[in-house]
Amino acid sequence: MDGMMDGMMDGWMDGWMDGWLDGWMDGWMDGWMDGWMDGWMDGWMDGWMDGWMDGWMDGWMDGWMDGSVGGWTDGRSDGW
């Protein structure tokens, strides 16, 4: 009887532990990975978009200001 009970308990414990651990790990890993991926993608996209937009706007504004103001002052001094 002891051997049968031990075998049943061992099998039940093994199955329960495996199932519980697998389920817990799967759920935790899925949730963690999803959260991490979402956060990483959001952060990366935000940072990339901000940096790209800032750089592009700065460069465009600088070039436009230099060109238009430079052209305006050149033309004005030429006219004088």
Protein backbone atom coordinates (compact mmCIF):
# COMPACT_ATOMS: atom_id res chain seq x y z
CA MET A 1 0.00 0.00 0.00
CA ASP A 2 2.82 2.35 0.84
CA GLY A 3 4.44 1.76 -2.52
CA MET A 4 1.19 2.44 -4.34
CA MET A 5 0.52 5.61 -2.35
CA ASP A 6 4.08 6.79 -2.89
CA GLY A 7 3.78 6.12 -6.60
CA MET A 8 0.44 7.95 -6.79
CA MET A 9 1.70 10.87 -4.76
CA ASP A 10 4.91 11.08 -6.76
CA GLY A 11 3.01 11.00 -10.03
CA TRP A 12 0.46 13.51 -8.82
CA MET A 13 3.10 15.83 -7.38
CA ASP A 14 5.21 15.59 -10.52
CA GLY A 15 2.23 16.26 -12.75
CA TRP A 16 0.97 19.08 -10.57
CA MET A 17 4.37 20.71 -10.27
CA ASP A 18 5.06 20.36 -13.98
CA GLY A 19 1.66 21.70 -14.95
CA TRP A 20 1.73 24.52 -12.43
CA LEU A 21 5.27 25.53 -13.23
CA ASP A 22 4.74 25.31 -16.97
CA GLY A 23 1.54 27.32 -16.76
CA TRP A 24 3.03 29.88 -14.43
CA MET A 25 6.22 30.23 -16.44
CA ASP A 26 4.32 30.43 -19.73
CA GLY A 27 1.93 33.03 -18.39
CA TRP A 28 4.64 35.03 -16.68
CA MET A 29 7.02 34.86 -19.61
CA ASP A 30 4.27 35.75 -22.08
CA GLY A 31 3.17 38.68 -19.98
CA TRP A 32 6.70 39.82 -19.30
CA MET A 33 7.79 39.43 -22.91
CA ASP A 34 4.69 41.18 -24.20
CA GLY A 35 5.17 44.03 -21.75
CA TRP A 36 8.88 44.26 -22.46
CA MET A 37 8.39 44.15 -26.22
CA ASP A 38 5.63 46.74 -26.08
CA GLY A 39 7.69 49.00 -23.83
CA TRP A 40 10.83 48.55 -25.90
CA MET A 41 9.03 49.14 -29.18
CA ASP A 42 7.24 52.19 -27.81
CA GLY A 43 10.41 53.61 -26.32
CA TRP A 44 12.50 52.86 -29.38
CA MET A 45 9.91 54.23 -31.80
CA ASP A 46 9.36 57.34 -29.69
CA GLY A 47 13.08 57.94 -29.33
CA TRP A 48 13.75 57.30 -33.00
CA MET A 49 10.86 59.47 -34.16
CA ASP A 50 11.78 62.26 -31.76
CA GLY A 51 15.44 62.15 -32.72
CA TRP A 52 14.72 61.92 -36.43
CA MET A 53 12.10 64.65 -36.36
CA ASP A 54 14.29 66.90 -34.23
CA GLY A 55 17.30 66.36 -36.45
CA TRP A 56 15.30 66.81 -39.64
CA MET A 57 13.50 69.90 -38.39
CA ASP A 58 16.71 71.42 -37.05
CA GLY A 59 18.55 70.76 -40.29
CA TRP A 60 15.69 72.00 -42.42
CA MET A 61 15.18 75.12 -40.31
CA ASP A 62 18.90 75.86 -40.24
CA GLY A 63 19.21 75.40 -43.99
CA TRP A 64 16.10 77.40 -44.72
CA MET A 65 17.03 80.20 -42.34
CA ASP A 66 20.59 80.34 -43.64
CA GLY A 67 19.44 80.31 -47.23
CA SER A 68 16.61 82.80 -46.91
CA VAL A 69 18.28 85.19 -44.50
CA GLY A 70 21.58 84.87 -46.34
CA GLY A 71 19.84 85.52 -49.63
CA TRP A 72 17.87 88.43 -48.21
CA THR A 73 20.91 90.13 -46.66
CA ASP A 74 22.99 89.49 -49.78
CA GLY A 75 20.29 90.95 -51.99
CA ARG A 76 19.82 93.89 -49.72
CA SER A 77 23.50 94.71 -49.54
CA ASP A 78 23.78 94.27 -53.29
CA GLY A 79 20.87 96.65 -53.78
CA TRP A 80 22.53 99.22 -51.58
